[in-house]
Amino acid sequence: MQLGTDPLARVVRGRAALAAGHPGEALASADAALSQRPHFPEAWSLRADALDRLDRPDDAARARERHRALDPG
């Protein structure tokens, strides 16, 4: 993997995008991380938060359920 394209780096960039008011970019980062590491709880959490900001509550709820299943603590 190239530097900056690993799943954790994608989540970090996605969180920064979300904080800057770019939920679509955050969602793309979450999806890219999940394509590499489908069981990455932090990416599912980012995906849920981005979907909330995009006013997609049903999709956000499904992503949050997935996050909780992977990281119940």
N, C-alpha and C. Protein backbone atom coordinates (compact mmCIF):
# COMPACT_ATOMS: atom_id res chain seq x y z
N MET A 1 0.84 -1.19 0.00
CA MET A 1 0.00 0.00 0.00
C MET A 1 0.88 1.25 0.00
N GLN A 2 0.43 2.25 -0.68
CA GLN A 2 1.14 3.51 -0.69
C GLN A 2 0.88 4.26 0.61
N LEU A 3 1.84 5.10 0.97
CA LEU A 3 1.68 5.92 2.16
C LEU A 3 0.41 6.76 2.02
N GLY A 4 -0.41 6.76 3.05
CA GLY A 4 -1.62 7.57 3.03
C GLY A 4 -2.83 6.87 2.44
N THR A 5 -2.63 5.67 1.91
CA THR A 5 -3.78 4.96 1.35
C THR A 5 -4.20 3.77 2.21
N ASP A 6 -3.57 3.61 3.36
CA ASP A 6 -3.99 2.53 4.24
C ASP A 6 -5.32 2.93 4.88
N PRO A 7 -6.08 1.96 5.37
CA PRO A 7 -7.40 2.27 5.91
C PRO A 7 -7.41 3.30 7.04
N LEU A 8 -6.44 3.23 7.95
CA LEU A 8 -6.43 4.20 9.04
C LEU A 8 -6.20 5.62 8.51
N ALA A 9 -5.30 5.79 7.56
CA ALA A 9 -5.06 7.11 6.98
C ALA A 9 -6.32 7.63 6.29
N ARG A 10 -7.03 6.74 5.64
CA ARG A 10 -8.28 7.15 4.97
C ARG A 10 -9.31 7.63 5.99
N VAL A 11 -9.39 6.94 7.13
CA VAL A 11 -10.34 7.35 8.17
C VAL A 11 -9.93 8.70 8.75
N VAL A 12 -8.65 8.90 8.98
CA VAL A 12 -8.18 10.17 9.51
C VAL A 12 -8.53 11.30 8.54
N ARG A 13 -8.27 11.09 7.25
CA ARG A 13 -8.64 12.11 6.25
C ARG A 13 -10.14 12.32 6.20
N GLY A 14 -10.89 11.24 6.34
CA GLY A 14 -12.35 11.36 6.34
C GLY A 14 -12.87 12.15 7.52
N ARG A 15 -12.28 11.93 8.69
CA ARG A 15 -12.68 12.70 9.88
C ARG A 15 -12.38 14.18 9.68
N ALA A 16 -11.24 14.48 9.07
CA ALA A 16 -10.88 15.88 8.80
C ALA A 16 -11.87 16.49 7.80
N ALA A 17 -12.24 15.73 6.79
CA ALA A 17 -13.21 16.22 5.80
C ALA A 17 -14.56 16.48 6.46
N LEU A 18 -14.97 15.58 7.33
CA LEU A 18 -16.25 15.75 8.02
C LEU A 18 -16.22 17.00 8.90
N ALA A 19 -15.12 17.20 9.61
CA ALA A 19 -14.98 18.37 10.46
C ALA A 19 -14.98 19.67 9.65
N ALA A 20 -14.52 19.58 8.41
CA ALA A 20 -14.47 20.75 7.53
C ALA A 20 -15.79 20.96 6.79
N GLY A 21 -16.77 20.10 7.06
CA GLY A 21 -18.08 20.27 6.43
C GLY A 21 -18.22 19.61 5.08
N HIS A 22 -17.44 18.55 4.84
CA HIS A 22 -17.49 17.84 3.56
C HIS A 22 -17.89 16.37 3.77
N PRO A 23 -19.16 16.14 4.08
CA PRO A 23 -19.57 14.76 4.39
C PRO A 23 -19.47 13.81 3.20
N GLY A 24 -19.63 14.29 1.99
CA GLY A 24 -19.49 13.41 0.83
C GLY A 24 -18.07 12.88 0.70
N GLU A 25 -17.11 13.74 0.95
CA GLU A 25 -15.71 13.35 0.92
C GLU A 25 -15.42 12.37 2.06
N ALA A 26 -16.00 12.62 3.22
CA ALA A 26 -15.82 11.72 4.36
C ALA A 26 -16.40 10.34 4.06
N LEU A 27 -17.56 10.31 3.43
CA LEU A 27 -18.17 9.04 3.07
C LEU A 27 -17.29 8.28 2.08
N ALA A 28 -16.74 8.98 1.12
CA ALA A 28 -15.85 8.34 0.14
C ALA A 28 -14.62 7.76 0.84
N SER A 29 -14.09 8.48 1.81
CA SER A 29 -12.93 7.97 2.56
C SER A 29 -13.31 6.73 3.36
N ALA A 30 -14.46 6.76 4.00
CA ALA A 30 -14.91 5.60 4.77
C ALA A 30 -15.10 4.40 3.85
N ASP A 31 -15.72 4.60 2.72
CA ASP A 31 -15.96 3.49 1.80
C ASP A 31 -14.65 2.94 1.24
N ALA A 32 -13.68 3.82 0.98
CA ALA A 32 -12.38 3.36 0.50
C ALA A 32 -11.68 2.53 1.57
N ALA A 33 -11.75 2.97 2.82
CA ALA A 33 -11.16 2.20 3.92
C ALA A 33 -11.84 0.85 4.05
N LEU A 34 -13.16 0.84 3.94
CA LEU A 34 -13.90 -0.41 4.08
C LEU A 34 -13.66 -1.36 2.92
N SER A 35 -13.35 -0.83 1.76
CA SER A 35 -13.05 -1.72 0.63
C SER A 35 -11.74 -2.47 0.87
N GLN A 36 -10.86 -1.89 1.68
CA GLN A 36 -9.60 -2.54 2.01
C GLN A 36 -9.70 -3.39 3.27
N ARG A 37 -10.52 -2.94 4.19
CA ARG A 37 -10.62 -3.61 5.50
C ARG A 37 -12.08 -3.57 5.95
N PRO A 38 -12.89 -4.52 5.48
CA PRO A 38 -14.33 -4.49 5.73
C PRO A 38 -14.76 -4.57 7.19
N HIS A 39 -13.88 -5.03 8.07
CA HIS A 39 -14.25 -5.19 9.47
C HIS A 39 -13.58 -4.14 10.35
N PHE A 40 -13.37 -2.95 9.81
CA PHE A 40 -12.68 -1.86 10.51
C PHE A 40 -13.71 -0.98 11.19
N PRO A 41 -13.89 -1.11 12.52
CA PRO A 41 -14.96 -0.39 13.21
C PRO A 41 -14.91 1.13 13.04
N GLU A 42 -13.70 1.68 13.04
CA GLU A 42 -13.57 3.14 12.92
C GLU A 42 -14.10 3.64 11.58
N ALA A 43 -13.92 2.84 10.54
CA ALA A 43 -14.43 3.21 9.22
C ALA A 43 -15.96 3.15 9.20
N TRP A 44 -16.53 2.16 9.88
CA TRP A 44 -17.99 2.08 9.96
C TRP A 44 -18.55 3.26 10.75
N SER A 45 -17.86 3.67 11.79
CA SER A 45 -18.29 4.82 12.57
C SER A 45 -18.25 6.10 11.72
N LEU A 46 -17.16 6.27 10.98
CA LEU A 46 -17.05 7.43 10.08
C LEU A 46 -18.17 7.39 9.05
N ARG A 47 -18.42 6.22 8.49
CA ARG A 47 -19.48 6.10 7.48
C ARG A 47 -20.82 6.52 8.07
N ALA A 48 -21.12 6.06 9.27
CA ALA A 48 -22.38 6.42 9.92
C ALA A 48 -22.47 7.93 10.14
N ASP A 49 -21.40 8.53 10.62
CA ASP A 49 -21.41 9.98 10.87
C ASP A 49 -21.58 10.77 9.57
N ALA A 50 -20.91 10.34 8.53
CA ALA A 50 -21.03 11.02 7.23
C ALA A 50 -22.46 10.89 6.68
N LEU A 51 -23.02 9.70 6.80
CA LEU A 51 -24.39 9.50 6.31
C LEU A 51 -25.39 10.34 7.11
N ASP A 52 -25.16 10.48 8.41
CA ASP A 52 -26.01 11.37 9.21
C ASP A 52 -25.97 12.79 8.65
N ARG A 53 -24.77 13.27 8.37
CA ARG A 53 -24.61 14.63 7.85
C ARG A 53 -25.22 14.80 6.46
N LEU A 54 -25.28 13.69 5.72
CA LEU A 54 -25.88 13.73 4.37
C LEU A 54 -27.39 13.51 4.42
N ASP A 55 -27.96 13.50 5.63
CA ASP A 55 -29.39 13.32 5.84
C ASP A 55 -29.88 11.99 5.27
N ARG A 56 -29.13 10.94 5.58
CA ARG A 56 -29.49 9.58 5.19
C ARG A 56 -29.57 8.73 6.46
N PRO A 57 -30.59 9.01 7.30
CA PRO A 57 -30.64 8.37 8.62
C PRO A 57 -30.77 6.85 8.59
N ASP A 58 -31.48 6.29 7.63
CA ASP A 58 -31.62 4.84 7.58
C ASP A 58 -30.28 4.17 7.29
N ASP A 59 -29.56 4.72 6.31
CA ASP A 59 -28.24 4.19 5.98
C ASP A 59 -27.28 4.38 7.15
N ALA A 60 -27.38 5.53 7.81
CA ALA A 60 -26.52 5.81 8.97
C ALA A 60 -26.79 4.80 10.09
N ALA A 61 -28.05 4.48 10.32
CA ALA A 61 -28.40 3.53 11.37
C ALA A 61 -27.83 2.15 11.06
N ARG A 62 -27.88 1.73 9.81
CA ARG A 62 -27.31 0.43 9.43
C ARG A 62 -25.79 0.43 9.64
N ALA A 63 -25.14 1.51 9.28
CA ALA A 63 -23.69 1.60 9.47
C ALA A 63 -23.34 1.60 10.96
N ARG A 64 -24.14 2.29 11.75
CA ARG A 64 -23.89 2.33 13.19
C ARG A 64 -24.09 0.94 13.82
N GLU A 65 -25.09 0.20 13.34
CA GLU A 65 -25.30 -1.17 13.83
C GLU A 65 -24.08 -2.04 13.51
N ARG A 66 -23.55 -1.87 12.31
CA ARG A 66 -22.36 -2.64 11.90
C ARG A 66 -21.17 -2.27 12.80
N HIS A 67 -21.03 -0.97 13.06
CA HIS A 67 -19.95 -0.52 13.94
C HIS A 67 -20.08 -1.15 15.31
N ARG A 68 -21.26 -1.12 15.87
CA ARG A 68 -21.48 -1.70 17.22
C ARG A 68 -21.23 -3.21 17.25
N ALA A 69 -21.57 -3.88 16.15
CA ALA A 69 -21.33 -5.33 16.11
C ALA A 69 -19.83 -5.64 16.11
N LEU A 70 -19.05 -4.77 15.51
CA LEU A 70 -17.61 -4.98 15.44
C LEU A 70 -16.88 -4.46 16.66
N ASP A 71 -17.46 -3.46 17.33
CA ASP A 71 -16.81 -2.84 18.48
C ASP A 71 -17.86 -2.57 19.56
N PRO A 72 -18.31 -3.64 20.25
CA PRO A 72 -19.40 -3.48 21.22
C PRO A 72 -19.04 -2.67 22.46
N GLY A 73 -17.77 -2.45 22.69
CA GLY A 73 -17.35 -1.74 23.91
C GLY A 73 -17.50 -0.31 23.78
